[in-house]
N, C-alpha and C. Protein backbone atom coordinates (compact mmCIF):
# COMPACT_ATOMS: atom_id res chain seq x y z
N MET A 1 -112.96 -38.00 174.68
CA MET A 1 -112.95 -36.72 174.02
C MET A 1 -111.68 -35.97 174.42
N SER A 2 -111.08 -35.30 173.46
CA SER A 2 -109.84 -34.58 173.69
C SER A 2 -110.08 -33.26 174.42
N ASP A 3 -109.08 -32.87 175.20
CA ASP A 3 -109.13 -31.58 175.88
C ASP A 3 -108.44 -30.48 175.07
N ALA A 4 -108.03 -30.81 173.86
CA ALA A 4 -107.31 -29.84 173.03
C ALA A 4 -108.23 -28.70 172.60
N THR A 5 -107.66 -27.51 172.55
CA THR A 5 -108.39 -26.36 172.06
C THR A 5 -107.61 -25.73 170.91
N LEU A 6 -108.32 -25.10 170.05
CA LEU A 6 -107.70 -24.44 168.91
C LEU A 6 -107.63 -22.95 169.17
N ALA A 7 -106.56 -22.35 168.73
CA ALA A 7 -106.40 -20.91 168.85
C ALA A 7 -106.02 -20.35 167.50
N ALA A 8 -106.65 -19.26 167.12
CA ALA A 8 -106.35 -18.62 165.84
C ALA A 8 -104.95 -18.02 165.89
N ARG A 9 -104.23 -18.15 164.77
CA ARG A 9 -102.89 -17.55 164.65
C ARG A 9 -102.85 -16.74 163.36
N THR A 10 -102.18 -15.62 163.43
CA THR A 10 -102.00 -14.82 162.22
C THR A 10 -100.88 -15.45 161.40
N PRO A 11 -100.82 -15.16 160.11
CA PRO A 11 -99.80 -15.79 159.26
C PRO A 11 -98.36 -15.57 159.73
N LEU A 12 -98.10 -14.41 160.36
CA LEU A 12 -96.74 -14.09 160.79
C LEU A 12 -96.61 -14.02 162.31
N ASP A 13 -97.56 -14.59 163.03
CA ASP A 13 -97.53 -14.65 164.50
C ASP A 13 -97.27 -13.28 165.15
N ALA A 14 -97.98 -12.26 164.70
CA ALA A 14 -97.89 -10.90 165.25
C ALA A 14 -96.46 -10.33 165.16
N TYR A 15 -95.79 -10.65 164.08
CA TYR A 15 -94.41 -10.23 163.86
C TYR A 15 -94.27 -8.71 163.87
N GLY A 16 -93.21 -8.25 164.46
CA GLY A 16 -92.87 -6.84 164.44
C GLY A 16 -91.39 -6.67 164.76
N ARG A 17 -90.73 -5.82 163.99
CA ARG A 17 -89.29 -5.62 164.21
C ARG A 17 -88.86 -4.31 163.55
N THR A 18 -87.99 -3.58 164.22
CA THR A 18 -87.39 -2.38 163.63
C THR A 18 -85.92 -2.67 163.37
N ILE A 19 -85.51 -2.41 162.13
CA ILE A 19 -84.13 -2.61 161.72
C ILE A 19 -83.65 -1.28 161.15
N GLY A 20 -82.72 -0.64 161.83
CA GLY A 20 -82.27 0.68 161.40
C GLY A 20 -83.44 1.65 161.44
N THR A 21 -83.76 2.24 160.29
CA THR A 21 -84.86 3.21 160.22
C THR A 21 -86.15 2.61 159.66
N VAL A 22 -86.17 1.30 159.44
CA VAL A 22 -87.33 0.64 158.84
C VAL A 22 -88.02 -0.24 159.88
N THR A 23 -89.33 -0.08 159.96
CA THR A 23 -90.14 -0.91 160.86
C THR A 23 -90.96 -1.87 160.01
N LEU A 24 -90.93 -3.13 160.38
CA LEU A 24 -91.74 -4.17 159.76
C LEU A 24 -92.76 -4.62 160.80
N ALA A 25 -94.03 -4.66 160.42
CA ALA A 25 -95.06 -5.07 161.38
C ALA A 25 -96.21 -5.75 160.66
N GLU A 26 -96.57 -6.92 161.16
CA GLU A 26 -97.73 -7.60 160.59
C GLU A 26 -98.98 -6.79 160.89
N VAL A 27 -99.86 -6.71 159.90
CA VAL A 27 -101.15 -6.05 160.07
C VAL A 27 -102.19 -7.16 160.16
N ALA A 28 -102.88 -7.21 161.28
CA ALA A 28 -103.89 -8.26 161.50
C ALA A 28 -105.21 -7.60 161.86
N GLY A 29 -106.26 -8.37 161.78
CA GLY A 29 -107.57 -7.90 162.20
C GLY A 29 -108.37 -7.19 161.13
N LEU A 30 -107.85 -7.10 159.91
CA LEU A 30 -108.60 -6.49 158.83
C LEU A 30 -109.19 -7.56 157.93
N ALA A 31 -110.36 -7.30 157.42
CA ALA A 31 -110.98 -8.19 156.45
C ALA A 31 -110.52 -7.78 155.06
N LEU A 32 -110.33 -8.76 154.20
CA LEU A 32 -109.98 -8.51 152.80
C LEU A 32 -110.95 -9.30 151.94
N VAL A 33 -111.73 -8.57 151.15
CA VAL A 33 -112.77 -9.20 150.33
C VAL A 33 -112.54 -8.81 148.88
N SER A 34 -112.63 -9.78 148.00
CA SER A 34 -112.58 -9.53 146.56
C SER A 34 -114.00 -9.28 146.09
N ALA A 35 -114.19 -8.21 145.32
CA ALA A 35 -115.51 -7.89 144.77
C ALA A 35 -115.40 -7.83 143.25
N ALA A 36 -116.08 -8.75 142.58
CA ALA A 36 -116.09 -8.78 141.12
C ALA A 36 -117.38 -8.13 140.62
N VAL A 37 -117.24 -7.31 139.60
CA VAL A 37 -118.37 -6.56 139.06
C VAL A 37 -119.05 -7.38 137.96
N PRO A 38 -120.36 -7.59 138.06
CA PRO A 38 -121.06 -8.31 136.99
C PRO A 38 -120.98 -7.55 135.66
N HIS A 39 -121.15 -8.27 134.58
CA HIS A 39 -121.13 -7.67 133.24
C HIS A 39 -122.15 -6.53 133.16
N ASP A 40 -121.72 -5.39 132.64
CA ASP A 40 -122.55 -4.19 132.51
C ASP A 40 -123.08 -3.67 133.85
N GLY A 41 -122.38 -3.98 134.94
CA GLY A 41 -122.83 -3.55 136.26
C GLY A 41 -122.00 -2.45 136.87
N ASP A 42 -121.22 -1.74 136.06
CA ASP A 42 -120.31 -0.72 136.59
C ASP A 42 -121.01 0.37 137.38
N GLU A 43 -122.10 0.92 136.84
CA GLU A 43 -122.79 2.01 137.53
C GLU A 43 -123.40 1.54 138.84
N ALA A 44 -124.03 0.37 138.82
CA ALA A 44 -124.64 -0.16 140.04
C ALA A 44 -123.58 -0.45 141.09
N PHE A 45 -122.43 -0.95 140.65
CA PHE A 45 -121.36 -1.23 141.60
C PHE A 45 -120.81 0.05 142.22
N ALA A 46 -120.57 1.05 141.41
CA ALA A 46 -120.06 2.33 141.92
C ALA A 46 -121.02 2.92 142.94
N ALA A 47 -122.31 2.85 142.67
CA ALA A 47 -123.32 3.38 143.60
C ALA A 47 -123.34 2.56 144.90
N ALA A 48 -123.26 1.25 144.78
CA ALA A 48 -123.28 0.38 145.96
C ALA A 48 -122.03 0.59 146.81
N LEU A 49 -120.90 0.78 146.16
CA LEU A 49 -119.64 1.03 146.88
C LEU A 49 -119.72 2.35 147.64
N ALA A 50 -120.30 3.36 147.02
CA ALA A 50 -120.46 4.66 147.68
C ALA A 50 -121.44 4.55 148.86
N ASP A 51 -122.54 3.84 148.66
CA ASP A 51 -123.54 3.70 149.73
C ASP A 51 -123.04 2.79 150.86
N GLY A 52 -122.44 1.66 150.49
CA GLY A 52 -122.07 0.65 151.48
C GLY A 52 -120.77 0.92 152.21
N PHE A 53 -119.79 1.50 151.52
CA PHE A 53 -118.48 1.73 152.14
C PHE A 53 -118.08 3.20 152.16
N GLY A 54 -118.87 4.07 151.54
CA GLY A 54 -118.52 5.49 151.51
C GLY A 54 -117.27 5.75 150.71
N ALA A 55 -117.06 4.96 149.65
CA ALA A 55 -115.85 5.08 148.84
C ALA A 55 -116.20 5.20 147.37
N VAL A 56 -115.36 5.92 146.64
CA VAL A 56 -115.50 5.97 145.18
C VAL A 56 -114.76 4.76 144.61
N ARG A 57 -115.17 4.36 143.44
CA ARG A 57 -114.51 3.24 142.79
C ARG A 57 -113.20 3.72 142.16
N PRO A 58 -112.07 3.16 142.60
CA PRO A 58 -110.79 3.60 142.04
C PRO A 58 -110.52 2.96 140.68
N ALA A 59 -109.72 3.63 139.89
CA ALA A 59 -109.26 3.05 138.63
C ALA A 59 -108.28 1.92 138.96
N SER A 60 -108.06 1.04 138.02
CA SER A 60 -107.08 -0.03 138.21
C SER A 60 -105.73 0.59 138.53
N GLY A 61 -105.08 0.09 139.59
CA GLY A 61 -103.79 0.61 139.99
C GLY A 61 -103.86 1.71 141.04
N ASP A 62 -105.07 2.16 141.34
CA ASP A 62 -105.25 3.17 142.37
C ASP A 62 -106.08 2.59 143.51
N SER A 63 -106.14 3.34 144.61
CA SER A 63 -106.96 2.94 145.73
C SER A 63 -107.74 4.15 146.22
N ALA A 64 -108.77 3.89 147.02
CA ALA A 64 -109.59 4.96 147.58
C ALA A 64 -109.95 4.58 149.01
N THR A 65 -109.95 5.56 149.89
CA THR A 65 -110.36 5.31 151.26
C THR A 65 -111.87 5.50 151.35
N GLY A 66 -112.47 4.82 152.32
CA GLY A 66 -113.90 4.91 152.52
C GLY A 66 -114.24 5.55 153.85
N ALA A 67 -115.53 5.79 154.05
CA ALA A 67 -116.01 6.42 155.27
C ALA A 67 -115.95 5.48 156.47
N ARG A 68 -116.03 4.20 156.21
CA ARG A 68 -115.93 3.22 157.28
C ARG A 68 -114.52 3.21 157.83
N PRO A 69 -114.32 2.98 159.12
CA PRO A 69 -112.95 2.96 159.67
C PRO A 69 -112.06 1.96 158.93
N ALA A 70 -110.88 2.44 158.57
CA ALA A 70 -109.84 1.62 157.95
C ALA A 70 -110.26 0.98 156.63
N THR A 71 -111.23 1.54 155.93
CA THR A 71 -111.63 0.98 154.64
C THR A 71 -110.74 1.54 153.53
N ARG A 72 -110.23 0.63 152.72
CA ARG A 72 -109.44 1.01 151.55
C ARG A 72 -109.87 0.09 150.42
N VAL A 73 -110.26 0.68 149.30
CA VAL A 73 -110.68 -0.08 148.12
C VAL A 73 -109.51 -0.07 147.15
N LEU A 74 -109.07 -1.25 146.75
CA LEU A 74 -107.91 -1.40 145.88
C LEU A 74 -108.37 -1.74 144.46
N GLY A 75 -108.06 -0.90 143.50
CA GLY A 75 -108.44 -1.16 142.11
C GLY A 75 -107.46 -2.15 141.49
N MET A 76 -107.84 -3.41 141.44
CA MET A 76 -106.92 -4.45 140.99
C MET A 76 -106.96 -4.67 139.48
N GLN A 77 -108.14 -4.58 138.88
CA GLN A 77 -108.29 -4.72 137.44
C GLN A 77 -109.64 -4.12 137.07
N PRO A 78 -109.96 -3.97 135.79
CA PRO A 78 -111.18 -3.25 135.42
C PRO A 78 -112.48 -3.77 136.06
N ASP A 79 -112.59 -5.06 136.28
CA ASP A 79 -113.84 -5.60 136.82
C ASP A 79 -113.68 -6.20 138.22
N GLN A 80 -112.63 -5.82 138.93
CA GLN A 80 -112.41 -6.39 140.26
C GLN A 80 -111.71 -5.39 141.17
N VAL A 81 -112.18 -5.32 142.40
CA VAL A 81 -111.50 -4.56 143.44
C VAL A 81 -111.32 -5.47 144.65
N PHE A 82 -110.36 -5.14 145.48
CA PHE A 82 -110.23 -5.75 146.79
C PHE A 82 -110.64 -4.68 147.78
N ILE A 83 -111.39 -5.07 148.79
CA ILE A 83 -111.82 -4.13 149.82
C ILE A 83 -111.19 -4.58 151.13
N LEU A 84 -110.38 -3.72 151.69
CA LEU A 84 -109.68 -3.96 152.95
C LEU A 84 -110.40 -3.10 153.99
N PHE A 85 -110.95 -3.73 155.04
CA PHE A 85 -111.74 -2.97 156.00
C PHE A 85 -111.78 -3.65 157.36
N GLU A 86 -112.17 -2.87 158.36
CA GLU A 86 -112.40 -3.40 159.70
C GLU A 86 -113.81 -3.96 159.73
N ALA A 87 -113.91 -5.26 159.86
CA ALA A 87 -115.22 -5.90 159.93
C ALA A 87 -115.66 -5.97 161.39
N PRO A 88 -116.96 -5.75 161.66
CA PRO A 88 -117.42 -5.87 163.04
C PRO A 88 -117.10 -7.23 163.64
N ASP A 89 -117.16 -8.26 162.79
CA ASP A 89 -116.81 -9.62 163.19
C ASP A 89 -115.91 -10.17 162.09
N PRO A 90 -114.62 -10.45 162.38
CA PRO A 90 -113.70 -10.91 161.34
C PRO A 90 -114.17 -12.17 160.61
N ASP A 91 -114.99 -12.99 161.26
CA ASP A 91 -115.49 -14.20 160.62
C ASP A 91 -116.70 -13.93 159.72
N GLN A 92 -117.10 -12.67 159.65
CA GLN A 92 -118.28 -12.32 158.84
C GLN A 92 -117.92 -11.30 157.75
N ALA A 93 -116.74 -11.43 157.19
CA ALA A 93 -116.29 -10.47 156.16
C ALA A 93 -117.20 -10.48 154.94
N VAL A 94 -117.53 -11.66 154.43
CA VAL A 94 -118.37 -11.73 153.24
C VAL A 94 -119.79 -11.27 153.52
N PRO A 95 -120.44 -11.72 154.60
CA PRO A 95 -121.78 -11.19 154.86
C PRO A 95 -121.79 -9.67 155.04
N THR A 96 -120.74 -9.12 155.66
CA THR A 96 -120.65 -7.67 155.84
C THR A 96 -120.54 -6.97 154.49
N ALA A 97 -119.63 -7.47 153.63
CA ALA A 97 -119.45 -6.87 152.31
C ALA A 97 -120.68 -7.09 151.43
N ALA A 98 -121.27 -8.28 151.51
CA ALA A 98 -122.45 -8.58 150.70
C ALA A 98 -123.63 -7.69 151.11
N ALA A 99 -123.77 -7.43 152.41
CA ALA A 99 -124.84 -6.53 152.87
C ALA A 99 -124.60 -5.11 152.36
N ALA A 100 -123.34 -4.69 152.30
CA ALA A 100 -123.01 -3.34 151.85
C ALA A 100 -123.17 -3.19 150.34
N LEU A 101 -122.86 -4.24 149.58
CA LEU A 101 -122.85 -4.14 148.12
C LEU A 101 -124.08 -4.72 147.44
N GLY A 102 -124.83 -5.55 148.15
CA GLY A 102 -126.02 -6.17 147.57
C GLY A 102 -125.68 -7.01 146.36
N SER A 103 -126.52 -6.93 145.35
CA SER A 103 -126.33 -7.74 144.14
C SER A 103 -125.41 -7.05 143.13
N ALA A 104 -124.77 -5.96 143.53
CA ALA A 104 -123.91 -5.21 142.61
C ALA A 104 -122.52 -5.82 142.45
N ALA A 105 -122.21 -6.88 143.24
CA ALA A 105 -120.89 -7.51 143.14
C ALA A 105 -120.95 -8.95 143.63
N TYR A 106 -120.04 -9.74 143.12
CA TYR A 106 -119.83 -11.09 143.63
C TYR A 106 -118.64 -11.00 144.58
N VAL A 107 -118.84 -11.38 145.83
CA VAL A 107 -117.79 -11.21 146.83
C VAL A 107 -117.25 -12.54 147.33
N THR A 108 -115.95 -12.57 147.56
CA THR A 108 -115.31 -13.75 148.16
C THR A 108 -114.33 -13.28 149.23
N ASP A 109 -114.26 -14.04 150.29
CA ASP A 109 -113.38 -13.70 151.42
C ASP A 109 -111.95 -14.08 151.08
N GLN A 110 -111.05 -13.14 151.23
CA GLN A 110 -109.62 -13.35 151.00
C GLN A 110 -108.83 -13.17 152.30
N SER A 111 -109.50 -12.86 153.39
CA SER A 111 -108.86 -12.44 154.64
C SER A 111 -107.78 -13.39 155.13
N ASP A 112 -108.08 -14.66 155.19
CA ASP A 112 -107.11 -15.62 155.73
C ASP A 112 -106.13 -16.13 154.69
N SER A 113 -106.24 -15.66 153.46
CA SER A 113 -105.39 -16.14 152.38
C SER A 113 -104.10 -15.34 152.22
N TRP A 114 -104.03 -14.18 152.87
CA TRP A 114 -102.90 -13.27 152.67
C TRP A 114 -102.22 -12.93 153.98
N ALA A 115 -100.91 -12.83 153.94
CA ALA A 115 -100.14 -12.26 155.04
C ALA A 115 -99.96 -10.79 154.68
N VAL A 116 -100.20 -9.91 155.65
CA VAL A 116 -100.12 -8.47 155.40
C VAL A 116 -99.02 -7.89 156.28
N LEU A 117 -98.06 -7.24 155.64
CA LEU A 117 -96.90 -6.70 156.33
C LEU A 117 -96.77 -5.22 155.99
N ARG A 118 -96.73 -4.36 157.01
CA ARG A 118 -96.48 -2.94 156.77
C ARG A 118 -94.99 -2.69 156.92
N MET A 119 -94.45 -2.01 155.93
CA MET A 119 -93.03 -1.67 155.90
C MET A 119 -92.96 -0.15 155.88
N SER A 120 -92.38 0.44 156.93
CA SER A 120 -92.38 1.90 157.01
C SER A 120 -91.06 2.42 157.56
N GLY A 121 -90.78 3.68 157.26
CA GLY A 121 -89.57 4.32 157.74
C GLY A 121 -88.81 4.98 156.59
N THR A 122 -87.83 5.79 156.94
CA THR A 122 -87.12 6.57 155.92
C THR A 122 -86.31 5.72 154.95
N GLY A 123 -85.92 4.52 155.32
CA GLY A 123 -85.13 3.68 154.42
C GLY A 123 -85.94 2.64 153.68
N VAL A 124 -87.26 2.77 153.69
CA VAL A 124 -88.10 1.71 153.14
C VAL A 124 -87.90 1.51 151.64
N ARG A 125 -87.79 2.58 150.87
CA ARG A 125 -87.65 2.40 149.42
C ARG A 125 -86.28 1.85 149.04
N VAL A 126 -85.25 2.19 149.79
CA VAL A 126 -83.92 1.64 149.52
C VAL A 126 -83.94 0.12 149.72
N ALA A 127 -84.64 -0.34 150.76
CA ALA A 127 -84.75 -1.78 151.00
C ALA A 127 -85.62 -2.46 149.94
N LEU A 128 -86.72 -1.81 149.56
CA LEU A 128 -87.62 -2.41 148.58
C LEU A 128 -87.01 -2.49 147.19
N GLU A 129 -86.18 -1.52 146.82
CA GLU A 129 -85.63 -1.53 145.46
C GLU A 129 -84.74 -2.74 145.21
N ARG A 130 -84.28 -3.40 146.25
CA ARG A 130 -83.46 -4.61 146.09
C ARG A 130 -84.29 -5.82 145.68
N ILE A 131 -85.58 -5.83 146.05
CA ILE A 131 -86.40 -7.02 145.79
C ILE A 131 -87.66 -6.76 144.97
N CYS A 132 -87.98 -5.48 144.74
CA CYS A 132 -89.22 -5.13 144.03
C CYS A 132 -88.88 -4.53 142.66
N PRO A 133 -89.40 -5.11 141.57
CA PRO A 133 -89.06 -4.60 140.24
C PRO A 133 -89.81 -3.33 139.84
N LEU A 134 -90.72 -2.84 140.68
CA LEU A 134 -91.50 -1.65 140.35
C LEU A 134 -90.72 -0.37 140.66
N ASP A 135 -91.01 0.68 139.93
CA ASP A 135 -90.45 2.00 140.21
C ASP A 135 -91.30 2.61 141.32
N LEU A 136 -90.75 2.74 142.51
CA LEU A 136 -91.48 3.23 143.67
C LEU A 136 -91.22 4.71 143.96
N ASP A 137 -90.69 5.43 142.98
CA ASP A 137 -90.46 6.85 143.12
C ASP A 137 -91.80 7.57 143.35
N ASP A 138 -91.76 8.72 144.02
CA ASP A 138 -92.98 9.48 144.32
C ASP A 138 -93.83 9.75 143.08
N LEU A 139 -93.19 10.07 141.95
CA LEU A 139 -93.95 10.38 140.74
C LEU A 139 -94.55 9.14 140.09
N ALA A 140 -93.83 8.04 140.10
CA ALA A 140 -94.30 6.81 139.46
C ALA A 140 -95.26 6.01 140.34
N PHE A 141 -95.08 6.10 141.65
CA PHE A 141 -95.87 5.29 142.59
C PHE A 141 -96.25 6.17 143.79
N PRO A 142 -97.18 7.11 143.57
CA PRO A 142 -97.56 8.03 144.65
C PRO A 142 -98.41 7.32 145.72
N GLU A 143 -98.67 8.02 146.80
CA GLU A 143 -99.53 7.47 147.85
C GLU A 143 -100.87 7.07 147.24
N GLY A 144 -101.37 5.91 147.66
CA GLY A 144 -102.63 5.39 147.15
C GLY A 144 -102.48 4.45 145.98
N ARG A 145 -101.30 4.36 145.40
CA ARG A 145 -101.07 3.48 144.26
C ARG A 145 -100.98 2.03 144.74
N VAL A 146 -101.49 1.10 143.94
CA VAL A 146 -101.46 -0.32 144.26
C VAL A 146 -101.09 -1.11 143.00
N ALA A 147 -100.37 -2.21 143.19
CA ALA A 147 -99.97 -3.03 142.04
C ALA A 147 -99.73 -4.46 142.49
N ARG A 148 -99.84 -5.35 141.53
CA ARG A 148 -99.42 -6.74 141.73
C ARG A 148 -98.01 -6.84 141.19
N THR A 149 -97.16 -7.59 141.88
CA THR A 149 -95.80 -7.77 141.43
C THR A 149 -95.26 -9.07 142.02
N VAL A 150 -93.97 -9.28 141.88
CA VAL A 150 -93.29 -10.39 142.53
C VAL A 150 -92.09 -9.84 143.29
N MET A 151 -91.80 -10.48 144.41
CA MET A 151 -90.60 -10.16 145.18
C MET A 151 -89.98 -11.49 145.57
N GLU A 152 -88.73 -11.68 145.16
CA GLU A 152 -88.04 -12.94 145.44
C GLU A 152 -88.88 -14.14 144.99
N HIS A 153 -89.47 -14.06 143.81
CA HIS A 153 -90.26 -15.12 143.18
C HIS A 153 -91.58 -15.40 143.89
N LEU A 154 -92.02 -14.49 144.76
CA LEU A 154 -93.28 -14.66 145.47
C LEU A 154 -94.26 -13.57 145.03
N ALA A 155 -95.52 -13.96 144.87
CA ALA A 155 -96.55 -13.00 144.48
C ALA A 155 -96.79 -12.00 145.60
N VAL A 156 -96.95 -10.72 145.21
CA VAL A 156 -97.16 -9.65 146.19
C VAL A 156 -98.10 -8.61 145.61
N MET A 157 -98.99 -8.11 146.46
CA MET A 157 -99.72 -6.89 146.16
C MET A 157 -99.08 -5.82 147.03
N ILE A 158 -98.76 -4.68 146.44
CA ILE A 158 -98.11 -3.61 147.17
C ILE A 158 -98.96 -2.35 147.08
N LEU A 159 -99.20 -1.74 148.22
CA LEU A 159 -99.98 -0.51 148.33
C LEU A 159 -99.13 0.52 149.05
N ARG A 160 -99.00 1.68 148.45
CA ARG A 160 -98.30 2.76 149.14
C ARG A 160 -99.35 3.50 149.97
N ASP A 161 -99.26 3.35 151.29
CA ASP A 161 -100.28 3.93 152.16
C ASP A 161 -99.79 5.12 152.97
N GLY A 162 -98.59 5.62 152.67
CA GLY A 162 -98.07 6.80 153.34
C GLY A 162 -96.81 7.26 152.66
N PRO A 163 -96.26 8.41 153.08
CA PRO A 163 -95.05 8.93 152.43
C PRO A 163 -93.89 7.94 152.45
N ASP A 164 -93.68 7.28 153.57
CA ASP A 164 -92.63 6.27 153.71
C ASP A 164 -93.22 4.98 154.25
N SER A 165 -94.35 4.57 153.71
CA SER A 165 -95.04 3.39 154.21
C SER A 165 -95.67 2.61 153.07
N PHE A 166 -95.48 1.29 153.11
CA PHE A 166 -96.05 0.40 152.11
C PHE A 166 -96.70 -0.78 152.81
N LEU A 167 -97.86 -1.19 152.31
CA LEU A 167 -98.53 -2.38 152.79
C LEU A 167 -98.23 -3.47 151.76
N LEU A 168 -97.63 -4.56 152.21
CA LEU A 168 -97.27 -5.67 151.33
C LEU A 168 -98.15 -6.85 151.67
N MET A 169 -98.80 -7.44 150.67
CA MET A 169 -99.66 -8.59 150.88
C MET A 169 -99.15 -9.74 150.04
N SER A 170 -98.88 -10.86 150.68
CA SER A 170 -98.36 -12.03 149.99
C SER A 170 -99.15 -13.26 150.45
N PRO A 171 -99.28 -14.30 149.62
CA PRO A 171 -100.06 -15.46 150.02
C PRO A 171 -99.59 -16.06 151.35
N ARG A 172 -100.55 -16.44 152.14
CA ARG A 172 -100.28 -16.99 153.47
C ARG A 172 -99.39 -18.23 153.39
N SER A 173 -99.54 -19.00 152.34
CA SER A 173 -98.78 -20.26 152.23
C SER A 173 -97.27 -20.05 152.19
N SER A 174 -96.84 -18.87 151.78
CA SER A 174 -95.40 -18.59 151.72
C SER A 174 -95.04 -17.39 152.61
N ALA A 175 -95.83 -17.14 153.63
CA ALA A 175 -95.67 -15.95 154.47
C ALA A 175 -94.31 -15.87 155.13
N ARG A 176 -93.82 -16.95 155.65
CA ARG A 176 -92.53 -16.91 156.36
C ARG A 176 -91.37 -16.67 155.39
N SER A 177 -91.43 -17.26 154.23
CA SER A 177 -90.39 -17.02 153.22
C SER A 177 -90.43 -15.56 152.76
N PHE A 178 -91.63 -15.03 152.60
CA PHE A 178 -91.78 -13.64 152.20
C PHE A 178 -91.22 -12.72 153.28
N ARG A 179 -91.60 -12.93 154.51
CA ARG A 179 -91.09 -12.11 155.61
C ARG A 179 -89.58 -12.15 155.67
N HIS A 180 -89.00 -13.33 155.49
CA HIS A 180 -87.55 -13.49 155.52
C HIS A 180 -86.90 -12.67 154.39
N ALA A 181 -87.46 -12.72 153.19
CA ALA A 181 -86.90 -11.97 152.06
C ALA A 181 -86.92 -10.47 152.33
N VAL A 182 -88.03 -9.97 152.86
CA VAL A 182 -88.15 -8.54 153.16
C VAL A 182 -87.19 -8.16 154.28
N GLU A 183 -87.17 -8.96 155.32
CA GLU A 183 -86.30 -8.70 156.47
C GLU A 183 -84.82 -8.68 156.04
N LEU A 184 -84.43 -9.64 155.23
CA LEU A 184 -83.04 -9.72 154.77
C LEU A 184 -82.67 -8.50 153.92
N SER A 185 -83.58 -8.05 153.08
CA SER A 185 -83.32 -6.87 152.27
C SER A 185 -83.10 -5.64 153.16
N VAL A 186 -83.92 -5.50 154.19
CA VAL A 186 -83.76 -4.37 155.12
C VAL A 186 -82.44 -4.48 155.86
N GLU A 187 -82.10 -5.67 156.32
CA GLU A 187 -80.83 -5.87 157.02
C GLU A 187 -79.65 -5.49 156.14
N ASN A 188 -79.71 -5.87 154.86
CA ASN A 188 -78.61 -5.61 153.94
C ASN A 188 -78.37 -4.15 153.65
N VAL A 189 -79.38 -3.32 153.77
CA VAL A 189 -79.19 -1.88 153.51
C VAL A 189 -79.06 -1.05 154.78
N SER A 190 -79.25 -1.68 155.92
CA SER A 190 -79.21 -0.95 157.19
C SER A 190 -77.82 -0.81 157.76
N GLY A 191 -76.87 -1.55 157.25
CA GLY A 191 -75.51 -1.46 157.74
C GLY A 191 -75.33 -2.20 159.07
N PRO A 192 -74.11 -2.11 159.62
CA PRO A 192 -73.82 -2.86 160.85
C PRO A 192 -74.52 -2.30 162.06
């Protein structure tokens, strides 16, 4: 029998770096669950979301915070939201969400499928405009706004979670390439 042991690793190995005025930091320890609304189940889902997470159901493209610590509901499309939250046990994201939502949603765990990178600081939008095709101006993309997009040919979900802060989520399979693209963009606008 082998003496080898396994250790969990985050997609970006707890990456963190400040370049000029922009800080890049991996966000780990949060559960990410997709919740799909059954046909004609909008009212039941909204009630379950309010009861289970203390959050209102956001419109597509918007997000809402919940009463649970670090809960953010992302309106991804008319019949689907992503719920980002602190789970009591990270390996129990679906049972936690399923207990909160009951039969009002079909839930699937997305937690280990995404690399999550927070990009913050006064130069964040200057760096993002080089690789993100979205208009991230305050009026077009205010705090709480969320969208799917591409950056350097990689799929990304982007959430504006503060005045100069964005949460970027990209598939785990291309996490290092994504981090490199973001890092390079920040380096290019930060000067010598």
